Protein backbone atom coordinates (compact mmCIF):
# COMPACT_ATOMS: atom_id res chain seq x y z
CA MET A 1 -102.11 153.03 -153.84
CA THR A 2 -105.43 154.22 -155.40
CA GLY A 3 -108.60 152.62 -155.76
CA PRO A 4 -111.07 152.07 -158.49
CA PRO A 5 -111.95 155.17 -161.00
CA HIS A 6 -115.55 156.36 -159.06
CA SER A 7 -118.36 155.10 -161.76
CA THR A 8 -120.58 157.69 -163.08
CA THR A 9 -123.16 154.99 -163.71
CA SER A 10 -126.21 155.53 -163.12
CA ARG A 11 -128.56 153.42 -160.88
CA ASN A 12 -131.60 153.25 -163.44
CA GLU A 13 -129.18 152.26 -166.14
CA HIS A 14 -129.58 148.99 -165.99
CA ARG A 15 -133.24 148.97 -165.10
CA VAL A 16 -135.33 146.77 -167.74
CA PRO A 17 -137.38 149.35 -169.76
CA ARG A 18 -140.93 149.22 -169.44
CA ILE A 19 -143.40 149.42 -172.11
CA LEU A 20 -146.81 150.65 -171.96
CA ILE A 21 -149.36 149.20 -174.02
CA THR A 22 -152.88 151.06 -174.45
CA THR A 23 -154.10 149.34 -177.86
CA ASP A 24 -156.51 146.86 -177.68
CA TYR A 25 -155.56 144.68 -180.38
CA LEU A 26 -152.02 143.62 -179.03
CA ARG A 27 -152.10 141.26 -176.63
CA PRO A 28 -149.76 139.61 -173.24
CA GLY A 29 -148.16 136.64 -175.02
CA ASP A 30 -148.87 137.46 -179.09
CA GLU A 31 -146.22 138.65 -181.38
CA VAL A 32 -145.10 142.42 -180.42
CA ASP A 33 -145.01 141.44 -176.91
CA ALA A 34 -143.09 138.26 -177.80
CA ARG A 35 -140.42 140.35 -179.88
CA LEU A 36 -140.57 143.48 -177.01
CA ARG A 37 -139.99 140.92 -174.10
CA ALA A 38 -136.81 139.56 -175.63
CA HIS A 39 -134.96 142.46 -176.29
CA GLY A 40 -135.01 142.95 -172.45
CA HIS A 41 -138.48 145.18 -172.00
CA THR A 42 -141.02 144.70 -169.38
CA THR A 43 -144.34 144.73 -170.74
CA VAL A 44 -147.55 146.71 -169.31
CA HIS A 45 -150.36 146.24 -171.08
CA ALA A 46 -153.86 148.67 -170.17
CA PRO A 47 -155.97 148.82 -172.82
CA MET A 48 -157.37 152.32 -173.18
CA VAL A 49 -160.89 153.18 -174.87
CA GLY A 50 -162.26 156.91 -174.73
CA ARG A 51 -160.56 159.16 -172.24
CA ARG A 52 -159.55 158.85 -169.41
CA ASP A 53 -158.71 161.43 -165.96
CA PRO A 54 -155.99 163.18 -165.68
CA GLU A 55 -154.81 160.83 -162.06
CA GLN A 56 -155.66 157.63 -163.98
CA LEU A 57 -152.94 159.10 -166.98
CA VAL A 58 -150.59 160.19 -164.44
CA ALA A 59 -151.30 156.75 -162.61
CA VAL A 60 -150.80 154.05 -165.65
CA LEU A 61 -147.29 156.15 -166.30
CA ASP A 62 -145.59 156.14 -163.26
CA GLY A 63 -142.49 154.13 -164.07
CA ILE A 64 -143.09 153.71 -167.76
CA ASP A 65 -140.28 154.62 -170.45
CA ALA A 66 -142.14 153.91 -173.94
CA ALA A 67 -145.83 154.12 -174.63
CA LEU A 68 -146.81 152.49 -177.80
CA VAL A 69 -151.00 153.79 -177.95
């Protein structure tokens, strides 16, 4: 008797996609936010005005899968 086939599922496959939103006109709870969340995404709002240091960009992009800039 053999066991179940070896799973090739990535441990990140079932992770909820995180979307960074950097615009100052999209807000938590607005229509765009609601639609993204309804489709299973997690939204992260971090409005960016002007330039950011590379260290700041690295920090804000950590764990992000997509971005609306």
